[in-house]
């Protein structure tokens, strides 16, 4: 079984930068929730967050908690890298997950606790969160129960 979660050097891992625009996402992740920005006028979800709706130009945007369920849309396995923090982590997978709430609502992240050979396009997944210290948690995904 090959997983990457324990092999990424915590002291070298680049930390996300919370800004006024994305802070609600990071605050929710720290609390174990998947909050995604949604236009209150047309109902479209956006990730990453935008300053205005890309569909109807509204500035009425709020973060809403989603189910965290989705399917693997695509993935790639990284076998070589140029970031010192990930030297011992290869190979690892980067996945794009299509969230259940809206077609084409994709988030990119890892599936660190999932063996690489078990990651498949179309596999049902659910959100998980990894505490990386300094008050930050990263969105991760794992195979859904029964998958």
Protein backbone atom coordinates (compact mmCIF):
# COMPACT_ATOMS: atom_id res chain seq x y z
CA UNK A 1 0.00 0.00 0.00
CA UNK A 2 1.52 3.32 -1.08
CA UNK A 3 0.23 6.50 0.58
CA UNK A 4 1.94 9.86 0.93
CA UNK A 5 0.53 11.47 4.06
CA UNK A 6 3.25 10.52 6.53
CA UNK A 7 6.16 11.27 4.20
CA UNK A 8 5.68 14.99 3.53
CA UNK A 9 8.15 16.95 5.65
CA UNK A 10 5.98 19.17 7.85
CA UNK A 11 8.74 21.69 8.45
CA UNK A 12 9.16 22.22 4.68
CA UNK A 13 5.52 22.02 3.60
CA UNK A 14 4.34 25.25 1.96
CA UNK A 15 1.37 26.65 3.86
CA UNK A 16 -1.71 28.09 2.16
CA UNK A 17 -2.12 31.85 2.34
CA UNK A 18 -5.50 32.99 3.64
CA UNK A 19 -6.76 36.19 2.03
CA UNK A 20 -9.97 38.16 2.50
CA UNK A 21 -11.39 36.32 -0.52
CA UNK A 22 -10.56 32.74 0.48
CA UNK A 23 -10.48 32.98 4.31
CA UNK A 24 -13.99 31.47 4.77
CA UNK A 25 -12.82 28.34 2.91
CA UNK A 26 -9.75 27.93 5.16
CA UNK A 27 -11.72 28.71 8.34
CA UNK A 28 -14.27 26.02 7.46
CA UNK A 29 -11.54 23.50 6.57
CA UNK A 30 -9.97 24.03 10.00
CA UNK A 31 -13.39 23.13 11.48
CA UNK A 32 -13.77 20.05 9.24
CA UNK A 33 -16.31 21.54 6.81
CA UNK A 34 -16.23 22.05 3.06
CA UNK A 35 -17.52 25.59 2.45
CA UNK A 36 -17.62 26.74 -1.17
CA UNK A 37 -18.55 30.18 -2.49
CA UNK A 38 -22.02 30.50 -4.08
CA UNK A 39 -23.73 33.32 -5.95
CA UNK A 40 -26.94 34.27 -4.18
CA UNK A 41 -28.52 35.57 -7.37
CA UNK A 42 -28.03 32.70 -9.83
CA UNK A 43 -27.05 29.89 -7.43
CA UNK A 44 -23.75 28.98 -9.11
CA UNK A 45 -20.93 27.63 -6.93
CA UNK A 46 -17.34 28.77 -7.52
CA UNK A 47 -14.02 27.33 -6.49
CA UNK A 48 -11.59 28.90 -6.16
CA UNK A 49 -13.52 31.94 -4.90
CA UNK A 50 -14.09 34.96 -7.11
CA UNK A 51 -14.77 38.63 -6.27
CA UNK A 52 -17.96 38.53 -8.40
CA UNK A 53 -20.12 35.93 -10.12
CA UNK A 54 -18.64 34.78 -13.40
CA UNK A 55 -22.15 33.99 -14.70
CA UNK A 56 -24.40 36.91 -13.73
CA UNK A 57 -21.85 39.51 -12.48
CA UNK A 58 -23.48 39.66 -9.03
CA UNK A 59 -21.42 40.66 -6.00
CA UNK A 60 -23.85 38.77 -3.73
CA UNK A 61 -21.55 35.86 -2.92
CA UNK A 62 -21.53 33.74 0.24
CA UNK A 63 -19.84 30.58 1.38
CA UNK A 64 -22.13 27.59 1.96
CA UNK A 65 -21.40 24.21 3.48
CA UNK A 66 -21.50 21.36 0.97
CA UNK A 67 -21.90 17.64 1.57
CA UNK A 68 -18.27 16.86 0.76
CA UNK A 69 -19.38 14.05 -1.55
CA UNK A 70 -18.23 13.74 -5.13
CA UNK A 71 -16.46 11.55 -7.65
CA UNK A 72 -12.91 11.45 -8.96
CA UNK A 73 -13.08 13.41 -12.22
CA UNK A 74 -9.42 12.86 -13.10
CA UNK A 75 -6.08 12.35 -11.39
CA UNK A 76 -2.37 12.18 -11.98
CA UNK A 77 0.39 10.49 -10.07
CA UNK A 78 3.43 12.64 -9.32
CA UNK A 79 6.61 10.58 -9.46
CA UNK A 80 9.18 13.40 -9.52
CA UNK A 81 9.03 16.87 -8.07
CA UNK A 82 11.10 20.00 -7.49
CA UNK A 83 9.76 20.96 -4.04
CA UNK A 84 12.00 19.87 -1.13
CA UNK A 85 8.97 19.32 1.14
CA UNK A 86 7.77 16.53 -1.14
CA UNK A 87 11.10 14.75 -1.72
CA UNK A 88 10.10 11.75 0.37
CA UNK A 89 6.45 11.80 -0.68
CA UNK A 90 6.65 10.62 -4.27
CA UNK A 91 4.76 8.99 -5.73
CA UNK A 92 1.56 10.77 -4.69
CA UNK A 93 -1.72 11.56 -6.43
CA UNK A 94 -3.28 14.89 -7.27
CA UNK A 95 -7.00 14.48 -7.93
CA UNK A 96 -9.75 16.64 -9.32
CA UNK A 97 -13.03 15.85 -7.62
CA UNK A 98 -16.38 16.75 -9.15
CA UNK A 99 -18.55 17.77 -6.20
CA UNK A 100 -22.09 16.39 -6.02
CA UNK A 101 -23.80 19.77 -5.67
CA UNK A 102 -23.11 21.06 -9.19
CA UNK A 103 -21.87 19.60 -12.50
CA UNK A 104 -18.34 20.77 -13.32
CA UNK A 105 -17.71 22.07 -9.78
CA UNK A 106 -14.16 20.76 -9.45
CA UNK A 107 -11.72 20.94 -6.57
CA UNK A 108 -8.10 19.89 -6.82
CA UNK A 109 -6.43 18.20 -3.88
CA UNK A 110 -4.88 14.95 -2.69
CA UNK A 111 -6.10 11.56 -1.53
CA UNK A 112 -3.23 11.01 0.89
CA UNK A 113 -4.81 8.21 2.91
CA UNK A 114 -5.84 6.22 -0.18
CA UNK A 115 -3.51 3.67 -1.78
CA UNK A 116 -2.56 4.90 -5.26
CA UNK A 117 -3.77 1.67 -6.87
CA UNK A 118 -7.29 2.28 -5.45
CA UNK A 119 -7.75 5.73 -7.02
CA UNK A 120 -9.98 5.47 -10.11
CA UNK A 121 -11.84 7.96 -12.30
CA UNK A 122 -15.50 7.86 -11.27
CA UNK A 123 -14.79 6.53 -7.78
CA UNK A 124 -17.12 7.97 -5.12
CA UNK A 125 -15.24 10.04 -2.54
CA UNK A 126 -15.90 12.14 0.52
CA UNK A 127 -14.08 15.09 2.01
CA UNK A 128 -11.56 14.64 4.77
CA UNK A 129 -9.32 17.24 6.34
CA UNK A 130 -5.66 17.05 7.30
CA UNK A 131 -4.39 19.25 10.15
CA UNK A 132 -1.03 20.62 9.01
CA UNK A 133 -0.39 22.82 12.04
CA UNK A 134 -0.23 26.59 12.38
CA UNK A 135 -4.04 26.63 12.54
CA UNK A 136 -4.38 25.28 8.98
CA UNK A 137 -6.15 22.21 7.65
CA UNK A 138 -6.03 21.00 4.06
CA UNK A 139 -8.91 19.53 2.12
CA UNK A 140 -8.21 15.91 1.26
CA UNK A 141 -10.49 13.20 -0.08
CA UNK A 142 -10.91 9.53 0.74
CA UNK A 143 -12.89 6.78 -0.90
CA UNK A 144 -16.53 6.88 0.24
CA UNK A 145 -17.75 4.16 2.56
CA UNK A 146 -18.53 1.04 0.55
CA UNK A 147 -16.59 2.19 -2.52
